[in-house]
Amino acid sequence: MHPYLEEARDQVAEQYRPQLAACDRLRDHAIALLENWKGRPLDPEKHEEAILAAIFARSLNTYWAAIELARVGFGEQAAMLQPITIRGHGRRALGFDGTRARRRAL
């Protein structure tokens, strides 16, 4: 790791230790849900189940990436991932382009 990143990582860890620990616990909990899934398997006839599983997996990856970016001092870049998670994964995967919502609002 580059010395600048090591220095930033140490500073961020010192200043935001409780917040980073909470983020790590939330990530670990989500991973544990996937690893220890005791529910029924996904129904191949229900396409929405596969879509939701894909959204969850992508969102978890994006969340994890944001934590790691913040941990090495790239908090602004980590914040840039938030709209991707909300608009990109959810709306696109479910096929929403916004036109239905606009029509309903009119």
PDB file of N, CA and C in Angstrom:
ATOM      1  N   MET A   1       0.844  -1.173   0.000  1.00  0.00           N
ATOM      2  CA  MET A   1       0.000   0.000   0.000  1.00  0.00           C
ATOM      3  C   MET A   1       0.891   1.238   0.000  1.00  0.00           C
ATOM      4  N   HIS A   2       0.453   2.251  -0.699  1.00  0.00           N
ATOM      5  CA  HIS A   2       1.208   3.497  -0.785  1.00  0.00           C
ATOM      6  C   HIS A   2       1.282   4.157   0.598  1.00  0.00           C
ATOM      7  N   PRO A   3       2.421   4.779   0.916  1.00  0.00           N
ATOM      8  CA  PRO A   3       2.562   5.417   2.235  1.00  0.00           C
ATOM      9  C   PRO A   3       1.478   6.450   2.537  1.00  0.00           C
ATOM     10  N   TYR A   4       1.027   7.198   1.510  1.00  0.00           N
ATOM     11  CA  TYR A   4      -0.030   8.180   1.736  1.00  0.00           C
ATOM     12  C   TYR A   4      -1.325   7.494   2.174  1.00  0.00           C
ATOM     13  N   LEU A   5      -1.609   6.363   1.549  1.00  0.00           N
ATOM     14  CA  LEU A   5      -2.820   5.637   1.911  1.00  0.00           C
ATOM     15  C   LEU A   5      -2.714   5.055   3.315  1.00  0.00           C
ATOM     16  N   GLU A   6      -1.534   4.570   3.664  1.00  0.00           N
ATOM     17  CA  GLU A   6      -1.334   4.038   5.015  1.00  0.00           C
ATOM     18  C   GLU A   6      -1.537   5.128   6.063  1.00  0.00           C
ATOM     19  N   GLU A   7      -1.009   6.312   5.773  1.00  0.00           N
ATOM     20  CA  GLU A   7      -1.169   7.436   6.704  1.00  0.00           C
ATOM     21  C   GLU A   7      -2.647   7.824   6.816  1.00  0.00           C
ATOM     22  N   ALA A   8      -3.325   7.923   5.687  1.00  0.00           N
ATOM     23  CA  ALA A   8      -4.750   8.275   5.697  1.00  0.00           C
ATOM     24  C   ALA A   8      -5.556   7.201   6.424  1.00  0.00           C
ATOM     25  N   ARG A   9      -5.221   5.944   6.167  1.00  0.00           N
ATOM     26  CA  ARG A   9      -5.938   4.842   6.814  1.00  0.00           C
ATOM     27  C   ARG A   9      -5.808   4.929   8.341  1.00  0.00           C
ATOM     28  N   ASP A  10      -4.612   5.227   8.811  1.00  0.00           N
ATOM     29  CA  ASP A  10      -4.400   5.354  10.254  1.00  0.00           C
ATOM     30  C   ASP A  10      -5.204   6.514  10.832  1.00  0.00           C
ATOM     31  N   GLN A  11      -5.211   7.649  10.127  1.00  0.00           N
ATOM     32  CA  GLN A  11      -5.952   8.816  10.604  1.00  0.00           C
ATOM     33  C   GLN A  11      -7.457   8.556  10.624  1.00  0.00           C
ATOM     34  N   VAL A  12      -7.965   7.952   9.568  1.00  0.00           N
ATOM     35  CA  VAL A  12      -9.397   7.648   9.494  1.00  0.00           C
ATOM     36  C   VAL A  12      -9.764   6.639  10.583  1.00  0.00           C
ATOM     37  N   ALA A  13      -8.932   5.630  10.770  1.00  0.00           N
ATOM     38  CA  ALA A  13      -9.213   4.613  11.786  1.00  0.00           C
ATOM     39  C   ALA A  13      -9.263   5.233  13.180  1.00  0.00           C
ATOM     40  N   GLU A  14      -8.364   6.172  13.425  1.00  0.00           N
ATOM     41  CA  GLU A  14      -8.336   6.816  14.736  1.00  0.00           C
ATOM     42  C   GLU A  14      -9.573   7.691  14.954  1.00  0.00           C
ATOM     43  N   GLN A  15      -9.936   8.436  13.921  1.00  0.00           N
ATOM     44  CA  GLN A  15     -11.041   9.388  14.067  1.00  0.00           C
ATOM     45  C   GLN A  15     -12.416   8.732  13.991  1.00  0.00           C
ATOM     46  N   TYR A  16     -12.548   7.676  13.186  1.00  0.00           N
ATOM     47  CA  TYR A  16     -13.868   7.087  12.928  1.00  0.00           C
ATOM     48  C   TYR A  16     -13.956   5.609  13.324  1.00  0.00           C
ATOM     49  N   ARG A  17     -13.178   5.200  14.280  1.00  0.00           N
ATOM     50  CA  ARG A  17     -13.144   3.786  14.684  1.00  0.00           C
ATOM     51  C   ARG A  17     -14.531   3.217  14.996  1.00  0.00           C
ATOM     52  N   PRO A  18     -15.367   3.871  15.804  1.00  0.00           N
ATOM     53  CA  PRO A  18     -16.684   3.281  16.110  1.00  0.00           C
ATOM     54  C   PRO A  18     -17.593   3.169  14.875  1.00  0.00           C
ATOM     55  N   GLN A  19     -17.549   4.192  14.021  1.00  0.00           N
ATOM     56  CA  GLN A  19     -18.389   4.165  12.823  1.00  0.00           C
ATOM     57  C   GLN A  19     -17.944   3.070  11.857  1.00  0.00           C
ATOM     58  N   LEU A  20     -16.630   2.938  11.669  1.00  0.00           N
ATOM     59  CA  LEU A  20     -16.121   1.881  10.787  1.00  0.00           C
ATOM     60  C   LEU A  20     -16.432   0.500  11.355  1.00  0.00           C
ATOM     61  N   ALA A  21     -16.335   0.367  12.662  1.00  0.00           N
ATOM     62  CA  ALA A  21     -16.658  -0.917  13.284  1.00  0.00           C
ATOM     63  C   ALA A  21     -18.132  -1.261  13.071  1.00  0.00           C
ATOM     64  N   ALA A  22     -19.005  -0.265  13.181  1.00  0.00           N
ATOM     65  CA  ALA A  22     -20.434  -0.505  12.942  1.00  0.00           C
ATOM     66  C   ALA A  22     -20.678  -0.898  11.489  1.00  0.00           C
ATOM     67  N   CYS A  23     -20.002  -0.242  10.553  1.00  0.00           N
ATOM     68  CA  CYS A  23     -20.135  -0.590   9.130  1.00  0.00           C
ATOM     69  C   CYS A  23     -19.654  -2.018   8.878  1.00  0.00           C
ATOM     70  N   ASP A  24     -18.539  -2.383   9.501  1.00  0.00           N
ATOM     71  CA  ASP A  24     -18.007  -3.736   9.334  1.00  0.00           C
ATOM     72  C   ASP A  24     -18.971  -4.785   9.897  1.00  0.00           C
ATOM     73  N   ARG A  25     -19.582  -4.475  11.055  1.00  0.00           N
ATOM     74  CA  ARG A  25     -20.545  -5.424  11.636  1.00  0.00           C
ATOM     75  C   ARG A  25     -21.761  -5.598  10.739  1.00  0.00           C
ATOM     76  N   LEU A  26     -22.243  -4.500  10.160  1.00  0.00           N
ATOM     77  CA  LEU A  26     -23.396  -4.582   9.259  1.00  0.00           C
ATOM     78  C   LEU A  26     -23.048  -5.404   8.013  1.00  0.00           C
ATOM     79  N   ARG A  27     -21.863  -5.158   7.445  1.00  0.00           N
ATOM     80  CA  ARG A  27     -21.417  -5.935   6.282  1.00  0.00           C
ATOM     81  C   ARG A  27     -21.303  -7.412   6.628  1.00  0.00           C
ATOM     82  N   ASP A  28     -20.692  -7.708   7.775  1.00  0.00           N
ATOM     83  CA  ASP A  28     -20.521  -9.100   8.192  1.00  0.00           C
ATOM     84  C   ASP A  28     -21.864  -9.781   8.437  1.00  0.00           C
ATOM     85  N   HIS A  29     -22.816  -9.024   8.970  1.00  0.00           N
ATOM     86  CA  HIS A  29     -24.159  -9.578   9.184  1.00  0.00           C
ATOM     87  C   HIS A  29     -24.813  -9.922   7.852  1.00  0.00           C
ATOM     88  N   ALA A  30     -24.693  -9.039   6.883  1.00  0.00           N
ATOM     89  CA  ALA A  30     -25.281  -9.304   5.559  1.00  0.00           C
ATOM     90  C   ALA A  30     -24.631 -10.526   4.907  1.00  0.00           C
ATOM     91  N   ILE A  31     -23.321 -10.636   5.033  1.00  0.00           N
ATOM     92  CA  ILE A  31     -22.623 -11.801   4.474  1.00  0.00           C
ATOM     93  C   ILE A  31     -23.079 -13.072   5.178  1.00  0.00           C
ATOM     94  N   ALA A  32     -23.236 -13.002   6.496  1.00  0.00           N
ATOM     95  CA  ALA A  32     -23.688 -14.171   7.258  1.00  0.00           C
ATOM     96  C   ALA A  32     -25.090 -14.597   6.833  1.00  0.00           C
ATOM     97  N   LEU A  33     -25.942 -13.628   6.519  1.00  0.00           N
ATOM     98  CA  LEU A  33     -27.284 -13.968   6.033  1.00  0.00           C
ATOM     99  C   LEU A  33     -27.204 -14.806   4.757  1.00  0.00           C
ATOM    100  N   LEU A  34     -26.287 -14.425   3.882  1.00  0.00           N
ATOM    101  CA  LEU A  34     -26.129 -15.167   2.627  1.00  0.00           C
ATOM    102  C   LEU A  34     -25.525 -16.549   2.856  1.00  0.00           C
ATOM    103  N   GLU A  35     -24.511 -16.605   3.713  1.00  0.00           N
ATOM    104  CA  GLU A  35     -23.808 -17.869   3.939  1.00  0.00           C
ATOM    105  C   GLU A  35     -24.657 -18.877   4.708  1.00  0.00           C
ATOM    106  N   ASN A  36     -25.460 -18.387   5.629  1.00  0.00           N
ATOM    107  CA  ASN A  36     -26.229 -19.274   6.498  1.00  0.00           C
ATOM    108  C   ASN A  36     -27.718 -19.262   6.160  1.00  0.00           C
ATOM    109  N   TRP A  37     -28.043 -19.051   4.909  1.00  0.00           N
ATOM    110  CA  TRP A  37     -29.439 -18.955   4.502  1.00  0.00           C
ATOM    111  C   TRP A  37     -30.170 -20.248   4.838  1.00  0.00           C
ATOM    112  N   LYS A  38     -31.216 -20.124   5.653  1.00  0.00           N
ATOM    113  CA  LYS A  38     -31.999 -21.285   6.051  1.00  0.00           C
ATOM    114  C   LYS A  38     -33.379 -21.285   5.388  1.00  0.00           C
ATOM    115  N   GLY A  39     -33.617 -20.271   4.590  1.00  0.00           N
ATOM    116  CA  GLY A  39     -34.904 -20.187   3.895  1.00  0.00           C
ATOM    117  C   GLY A  39     -34.969 -21.136   2.717  1.00  0.00           C
ATOM    118  N   ARG A  40     -36.065 -21.085   2.057  1.00  0.00           N
ATOM    119  CA  ARG A  40     -36.249 -21.957   0.897  1.00  0.00           C
ATOM    120  C   ARG A  40     -35.366 -21.481  -0.256  1.00  0.00           C
ATOM    121  N   PRO A  41     -35.067 -22.346  -1.187  1.00  0.00           N
ATOM    122  CA  PRO A  41     -34.282 -21.919  -2.353  1.00  0.00           C
ATOM    123  C   PRO A  41     -35.121 -20.985  -3.232  1.00  0.00           C
ATOM    124  N   LEU A  42     -34.432 -20.234  -4.070  1.00  0.00           N
ATOM    125  CA  LEU A  42     -35.137 -19.350  -4.991  1.00  0.00           C
ATOM    126  C   LEU A  42     -35.985 -20.184  -5.947  1.00  0.00           C
ATOM    127  N   ASP A  43     -37.171 -19.701  -6.202  1.00  0.00           N
ATOM    128  CA  ASP A  43     -38.088 -20.366  -7.132  1.00  0.00           C
ATOM    129  C   ASP A  43     -37.768 -19.906  -8.546  1.00  0.00           C
ATOM    130  N   PRO A  44     -37.323 -20.795  -9.443  1.00  0.00           N
ATOM    131  CA  PRO A  44     -36.961 -20.379 -10.801  1.00  0.00           C
ATOM    132  C   PRO A  44     -38.146 -19.822 -11.596  1.00  0.00           C
ATOM    133  N   GLU A  45     -39.369 -20.112 -11.159  1.00  0.00           N
ATOM    134  CA  GLU A  45     -40.551 -19.591 -11.847  1.00  0.00           C
ATOM    135  C   GLU A  45     -40.862 -18.148 -11.435  1.00  0.00           C
ATOM    136  N   LYS A  46     -40.310 -17.710 -10.318  1.00  0.00           N
ATOM    137  CA  LYS A  46     -40.559 -16.353  -9.823  1.00  0.00           C
ATOM    138  C   LYS A  46     -39.322 -15.497 -10.099  1.00  0.00           C
ATOM    139  N   HIS A  47     -39.348 -14.808 -11.214  1.00  0.00           N
ATOM    140  CA  HIS A  47     -38.186 -14.037 -11.649  1.00  0.00           C
ATOM    141  C   HIS A  47     -37.851 -12.900 -10.686  1.00  0.00           C
ATOM    142  N   GLU A  48     -38.870 -12.407  -9.987  1.00  0.00           N
ATOM    143  CA  GLU A  48     -38.607 -11.319  -9.042  1.00  0.00           C
ATOM    144  C   GLU A  48     -37.680 -11.758  -7.910  1.00  0.00           C
ATOM    145  N   GLU A  49     -37.679 -13.021  -7.561  1.00  0.00           N
ATOM    146  CA  GLU A  49     -36.788 -13.501  -6.503  1.00  0.00           C
ATOM    147  C   GLU A  49     -35.327 -13.411  -6.945  1.00  0.00           C
ATOM    148  N   ALA A  50     -35.062 -13.805  -8.175  1.00  0.00           N
ATOM    149  CA  ALA A  50     -33.691 -13.723  -8.684  1.00  0.00           C
ATOM    150  C   ALA A  50     -33.260 -12.267  -8.799  1.00  0.00           C
ATOM    151  N   ILE A  51     -34.187 -11.387  -9.191  1.00  0.00           N
ATOM    152  CA  ILE A  51     -33.867  -9.967  -9.309  1.00  0.00           C
ATOM    153  C   ILE A  51     -33.506  -9.407  -7.934  1.00  0.00           C
ATOM    154  N   LEU A  52     -34.313  -9.732  -6.929  1.00  0.00           N
ATOM    155  CA  LEU A  52     -34.030  -9.235  -5.582  1.00  0.00           C
ATOM    156  C   LEU A  52     -32.710  -9.783  -5.046  1.00  0.00           C
ATOM    157  N   ALA A  53     -32.409 -11.035  -5.334  1.00  0.00           N
ATOM    158  CA  ALA A  53     -31.133 -11.610  -4.898  1.00  0.00           C
ATOM    159  C   ALA A  53     -29.968 -10.888  -5.574  1.00  0.00           C
ATOM    160  N   ALA A  54     -30.121 -10.567  -6.858  1.00  0.00           N
ATOM    161  CA  ALA A  54     -29.066  -9.845  -7.575  1.00  0.00           C
ATOM    162  C   ALA A  54     -28.896  -8.439  -7.020  1.00  0.00           C
ATOM    163  N   ILE A  55     -30.003  -7.767  -6.723  1.00  0.00           N
ATOM    164  CA  ILE A  55     -29.926  -6.419  -6.147  1.00  0.00           C
ATOM    165  C   ILE A  55     -29.206  -6.469  -4.810  1.00  0.00           C
ATOM    166  N   PHE A  56     -29.562  -7.451  -3.985  1.00  0.00           N
ATOM    167  CA  PHE A  56     -28.922  -7.577  -2.668  1.00  0.00           C
ATOM    168  C   PHE A  56     -27.418  -7.799  -2.825  1.00  0.00           C
ATOM    169  N   ALA A  57     -27.032  -8.708  -3.707  1.00  0.00           N
ATOM    170  CA  ALA A  57     -25.612  -9.019  -3.888  1.00  0.00           C
ATOM    171  C   ALA A  57     -24.845  -7.800  -4.407  1.00  0.00           C
ATOM    172  N   ARG A  58     -25.398  -7.111  -5.400  1.00  0.00           N
ATOM    173  CA  ARG A  58     -24.716  -5.928  -5.944  1.00  0.00           C
ATOM    174  C   ARG A  58     -24.639  -4.813  -4.915  1.00  0.00           C
ATOM    175  N   SER A  59     -25.722  -4.631  -4.175  1.00  0.00           N
ATOM    176  CA  SER A  59     -25.733  -3.580  -3.155  1.00  0.00           C
ATOM    177  C   SER A  59     -24.715  -3.874  -2.067  1.00  0.00           C
ATOM    178  N   LEU A  60     -24.590  -5.136  -1.691  1.00  0.00           N
ATOM    179  CA  LEU A  60     -23.595  -5.518  -0.688  1.00  0.00           C
ATOM    180  C   LEU A  60     -22.188  -5.217  -1.196  1.00  0.00           C
ATOM    181  N   ASN A  61     -21.918  -5.540  -2.440  1.00  0.00           N
ATOM    182  CA  ASN A  61     -20.598  -5.255  -3.012  1.00  0.00           C
ATOM    183  C   ASN A  61     -20.314  -3.754  -3.031  1.00  0.00           C
ATOM    184  N   THR A  62     -21.319  -2.960  -3.416  1.00  0.00           N
ATOM    185  CA  THR A  62     -21.143  -1.509  -3.464  1.00  0.00           C
ATOM    186  C   THR A  62     -20.932  -0.952  -2.059  1.00  0.00           C
ATOM    187  N   TYR A  63     -21.699  -1.447  -1.096  1.00  0.00           N
ATOM    188  CA  TYR A  63     -21.555  -1.018   0.298  1.00  0.00           C
ATOM    189  C   TYR A  63     -20.150  -1.326   0.799  1.00  0.00           C
ATOM    190  N   TRP A  64     -19.677  -2.525   0.520  1.00  0.00           N
ATOM    191  CA  TRP A  64     -18.345  -2.941   0.951  1.00  0.00           C
ATOM    192  C   TRP A  64     -17.275  -2.043   0.320  1.00  0.00           C
ATOM    193  N   ALA A  65     -17.429  -1.762  -0.963  1.00  0.00           N
ATOM    194  CA  ALA A  65     -16.470  -0.890  -1.646  1.00  0.00           C
ATOM    195  C   ALA A  65     -16.463   0.506  -1.027  1.00  0.00           C
ATOM    196  N   ALA A  66     -17.637   1.011  -0.666  1.00  0.00           N
ATOM    197  CA  ALA A  66     -17.725   2.336  -0.052  1.00  0.00           C
ATOM    198  C   ALA A  66     -17.012   2.355   1.298  1.00  0.00           C
ATOM    199  N   ILE A  67     -17.182   1.300   2.074  1.00  0.00           N
ATOM    200  CA  ILE A  67     -16.495   1.223   3.369  1.00  0.00           C
ATOM    201  C   ILE A  67     -14.980   1.265   3.163  1.00  0.00           C
ATOM    202  N   GLU A  68     -14.495   0.485   2.215  1.00  0.00           N
ATOM    203  CA  GLU A  68     -13.049   0.424   1.993  1.00  0.00           C
ATOM    204  C   GLU A  68     -12.511   1.746   1.453  1.00  0.00           C
ATOM    205  N   LEU A  69     -13.267   2.415   0.577  1.00  0.00           N
ATOM    206  CA  LEU A  69     -12.840   3.729   0.097  1.00  0.00           C
ATOM    207  C   LEU A  69     -12.766   4.725   1.247  1.00  0.00           C
ATOM    208  N   ALA A  70     -13.786   4.737   2.084  1.00  0.00           N
ATOM    209  CA  ALA A  70     -13.798   5.645   3.230  1.00  0.00           C
ATOM    210  C   ALA A  70     -12.649   5.328   4.179  1.00  0.00           C
ATOM    211  N   ARG A  71     -12.361   4.063   4.352  1.00  0.00           N
ATOM    212  CA  ARG A  71     -11.317   3.631   5.287  1.00  0.00           C
ATOM    213  C   ARG A  71      -9.929   4.159   4.899  1.00  0.00           C
ATOM    214  N   VAL A  72      -9.685   4.351   3.600  1.00  0.00           N
ATOM    215  CA  VAL A  72      -8.370   4.854   3.164  1.00  0.00           C
ATOM    216  C   VAL A  72      -8.414   6.343   2.827  1.00  0.00           C
ATOM    217  N   GLY A  73      -9.490   7.017   3.258  1.00  0.00           N
ATOM    218  CA  GLY A  73      -9.532   8.463   3.121  1.00  0.00           C
ATOM    219  C   GLY A  73     -10.250   8.994   1.904  1.00  0.00           C
ATOM    220  N   PHE A  74     -10.913   8.142   1.160  1.00  0.00           N
ATOM    221  CA  PHE A  74     -11.656   8.580  -0.014  1.00  0.00           C
ATOM    222  C   PHE A  74     -13.154   8.633   0.287  1.00  0.00           C
ATOM    223  N   GLY A  75     -13.516   9.404   1.305  1.00  0.00           N
ATOM    224  CA  GLY A  75     -14.909   9.502   1.724  1.00  0.00           C
ATOM    225  C   GLY A  75     -15.813  10.100   0.670  1.00  0.00           C
ATOM    226  N   GLU A  76     -15.340  11.131  -0.029  1.00  0.00           N
ATOM    227  CA  GLU A  76     -16.164  11.741  -1.084  1.00  0.00           C
ATOM    228  C   GLU A  76     -16.435  10.744  -2.207  1.00  0.00           C
ATOM    229  N   GLN A  77     -15.431   9.987  -2.578  1.00  0.00           N
ATOM    230  CA  GLN A  77     -15.623   8.989  -3.631  1.00  0.00           C
ATOM    231  C   GLN A  77     -16.555   7.886  -3.160  1.00  0.00           C
ATOM    232  N   ALA A  78     -16.462   7.528  -1.889  1.00  0.00           N
ATOM    233  CA  ALA A  78     -17.376   6.527  -1.344  1.00  0.00           C
ATOM    234  C   ALA A  78     -18.812   7.035  -1.411  1.00  0.00           C
ATOM    235  N   ALA A  79     -19.006   8.307  -1.104  1.00  0.00           N
ATOM    236  CA  ALA A  79     -20.351   8.888  -1.152  1.00  0.00           C
ATOM    237  C   ALA A  79     -20.915   8.887  -2.567  1.00  0.00           C
ATOM    238  N   MET A  80     -20.052   8.925  -3.572  1.00  0.00           N
ATOM    239  CA  MET A  80     -20.515   8.898  -4.960  1.00  0.00           C
ATOM    240  C   MET A  80     -21.166   7.572  -5.319  1.00  0.00           C
ATOM    241  N   LEU A  81     -20.867   6.519  -4.580  1.00  0.00           N
ATOM    242  CA  LEU A  81     -21.445   5.210  -4.865  1.00  0.00           C
ATOM    243  C   LEU A  81     -22.887   5.090  -4.384  1.00  0.00           C
ATOM    244  N   GLN A  82     -23.296   5.916  -3.439  1.00  0.00           N
ATOM    245  CA  GLN A  82     -24.635   5.822  -2.858  1.00  0.00           C
ATOM    246  C   GLN A  82     -25.741   5.961  -3.905  1.00  0.00           C
ATOM    247  N   PRO A  83     -25.717   6.978  -4.785  1.00  0.00           N
ATOM    248  CA  PRO A  83     -26.781   7.057  -5.796  1.00  0.00           C
ATOM    249  C   PRO A  83     -26.781   5.870  -6.751  1.00  0.00           C
ATOM    250  N   ILE A  84     -25.610   5.305  -6.992  1.00  0.00           N
ATOM    251  CA  ILE A  84     -25.526   4.130  -7.858  1.00  0.00           C
ATOM    252  C   ILE A  84     -26.309   2.989  -7.232  1.00  0.00           C
ATOM    253  N   THR A  85     -26.146   2.816  -5.944  1.00  0.00           N
ATOM    254  CA  THR A  85     -26.840   1.736  -5.249  1.00  0.00           C
ATOM    255  C   THR A  85     -28.343   1.934  -5.314  1.00  0.00           C
ATOM    256  N   ILE A  86     -28.803   3.134  -5.044  1.00  0.00           N
ATOM    257  CA  ILE A  86     -30.243   3.381  -4.997  1.00  0.00           C
ATOM    258  C   ILE A  86     -30.856   3.388  -6.388  1.00  0.00           C
ATOM    259  N   ARG A  87     -30.320   4.212  -7.278  1.00  0.00           N
ATOM    260  CA  ARG A  87     -30.939   4.352  -8.600  1.00  0.00           C
ATOM    261  C   ARG A  87     -30.562   3.218  -9.533  1.00  0.00           C
ATOM    262  N   GLY A  88     -29.285   2.860  -9.524  1.00  0.00           N
ATOM    263  CA  GLY A  88     -28.822   1.872 -10.490  1.00  0.00           C
ATOM    264  C   GLY A  88     -29.328   0.477 -10.237  1.00  0.00           C
ATOM    265  N   HIS A  89     -29.016  -0.067  -9.073  1.00  0.00           N
ATOM    266  CA  HIS A  89     -29.346  -1.461  -8.804  1.00  0.00           C
ATOM    267  C   HIS A  89     -30.848  -1.674  -8.707  1.00  0.00           C
ATOM    268  N   GLY A  90     -31.508  -0.878  -7.927  1.00  0.00           N
ATOM    269  CA  GLY A  90     -32.920  -1.104  -7.690  1.00  0.00           C
ATOM    270  C   GLY A  90     -33.797  -0.804  -8.879  1.00  0.00           C
ATOM    271  N   ARG A  91     -33.737   0.410  -9.370  1.00  0.00           N
ATOM    272  CA  ARG A  91     -34.648   0.817 -10.436  1.00  0.00           C
ATOM    273  C   ARG A  91     -34.380   0.090 -11.739  1.00  0.00           C
ATOM    274  N   ARG A  92     -33.111   0.007 -12.142  1.00  0.00           N
ATOM    275  CA  ARG A  92     -32.804  -0.634 -13.424  1.00  0.00           C
ATOM    276  C   ARG A  92     -33.140  -2.112 -13.389  1.00  0.00           C
ATOM    277  N   ALA A  93     -32.792  -2.774 -12.304  1.00  0.00           N
ATOM    278  CA  ALA A  93     -33.043  -4.211 -12.215  1.00  0.00           C
ATOM    279  C   ALA A  93     -34.536  -4.522 -12.231  1.00  0.00           C
ATOM    280  N   LEU A  94     -35.335  -3.624 -11.670  1.00  0.00           N
ATOM    281  CA  LEU A  94     -36.775  -3.864 -11.653  1.00  0.00           C
ATOM    282  C   LEU A  94     -37.466  -3.324 -12.897  1.00  0.00           C
ATOM    283  N   GLY A  95     -36.715  -2.682 -13.778  1.00  0.00           N
ATOM    284  CA  GLY A  95     -37.283  -2.222 -15.036  1.00  0.00           C
ATOM    285  C   GLY A  95     -37.982  -0.878 -14.951  1.00  0.00           C
ATOM    286  N   PHE A  96     -37.720  -0.098 -13.913  1.00  0.00           N
ATOM    287  CA  PHE A  96     -38.346   1.211 -13.787  1.00  0.00           C
ATOM    288  C   PHE A  96     -37.492   2.244 -14.493  1.00  0.00           C
ATOM    289  N   ASP A  97     -38.112   3.019 -15.359  1.00  0.00           N
ATOM    290  CA  ASP A  97     -37.381   4.107 -16.005  1.00  0.00           C
ATOM    291  C   ASP A  97     -37.903   5.470 -15.561  1.00  0.00           C
ATOM    292  N   GLY A  98     -38.847   5.470 -14.646  1.00  0.00           N
ATOM    293  CA  GLY A  98     -39.370   6.722 -14.124  1.00  0.00           C
ATOM    294  C   GLY A  98     -40.612   7.216 -14.836  1.00  0.00           C
ATOM    295  N   THR A  99     -40.902   6.707 -16.023  1.00  0.00           N
ATOM    296  CA  THR A  99     -42.051   7.225 -16.766  1.00  0.00           C
ATOM    297  C   THR A  99     -43.358   6.855 -16.084  1.00  0.00           C
ATOM    298  N   ARG A 100     -43.441   5.658 -15.517  1.00  0.00           N
ATOM    299  CA  ARG A 100     -44.666   5.256 -14.821  1.00  0.00           C
ATOM    300  C   ARG A 100     -44.945   6.168 -13.636  1.00  0.00           C
ATOM    301  N   ALA A 101     -43.901   6.470 -12.877  1.00  0.00           N
ATOM    302  CA  ALA A 101     -44.083   7.318 -11.702  1.00  0.00           C
ATOM    303  C   ALA A 101     -44.510   8.717 -12.114  1.00  0.00           C
ATOM    304  N   ARG A 102     -43.918   9.239 -13.192  1.00  0.00           N
ATOM    305  CA  ARG A 102     -44.295  10.571 -13.646  1.00  0.00           C
ATOM    306  C   ARG A 102     -45.739  10.598 -14.125  1.00  0.00           C
ATOM    307  N   ARG A 103     -46.164   9.574 -14.839  1.00  0.00           N
ATOM    308  CA  ARG A 103     -47.556   9.523 -15.320  1.00  0.00           C
ATOM    309  C   ARG A 103     -48.535   9.471 -14.160  1.00  0.00           C
ATOM    310  N   ARG A 104     -48.197   8.700 -13.125  1.00  0.00           N
ATOM    311  CA  ARG A 104     -49.085   8.612 -11.963  1.00  0.00           C
ATOM    312  C   ARG A 104     -49.166   9.950 -11.241  1.00  0.00           C
ATOM    313  N   ALA A 105     -48.076  10.691 -11.212  1.00  0.00           N
ATOM    314  CA  ALA A 105     -48.056  11.973 -10.505  1.00  0.00           C
ATOM    315  C   ALA A 105     -48.886  13.021 -11.227  1.00  0.00           C
ATOM    316  N   LEU A 106     -49.065  12.879 -12.538  1.00  0.00           N
ATOM    317  CA  LEU A 106     -49.830  13.868 -13.292  1.00  0.00           C
ATOM    318  C   LEU A 106     -51.269  13.603 -13.143  1.00  0.00           C
TER     319      LEU A 106
END
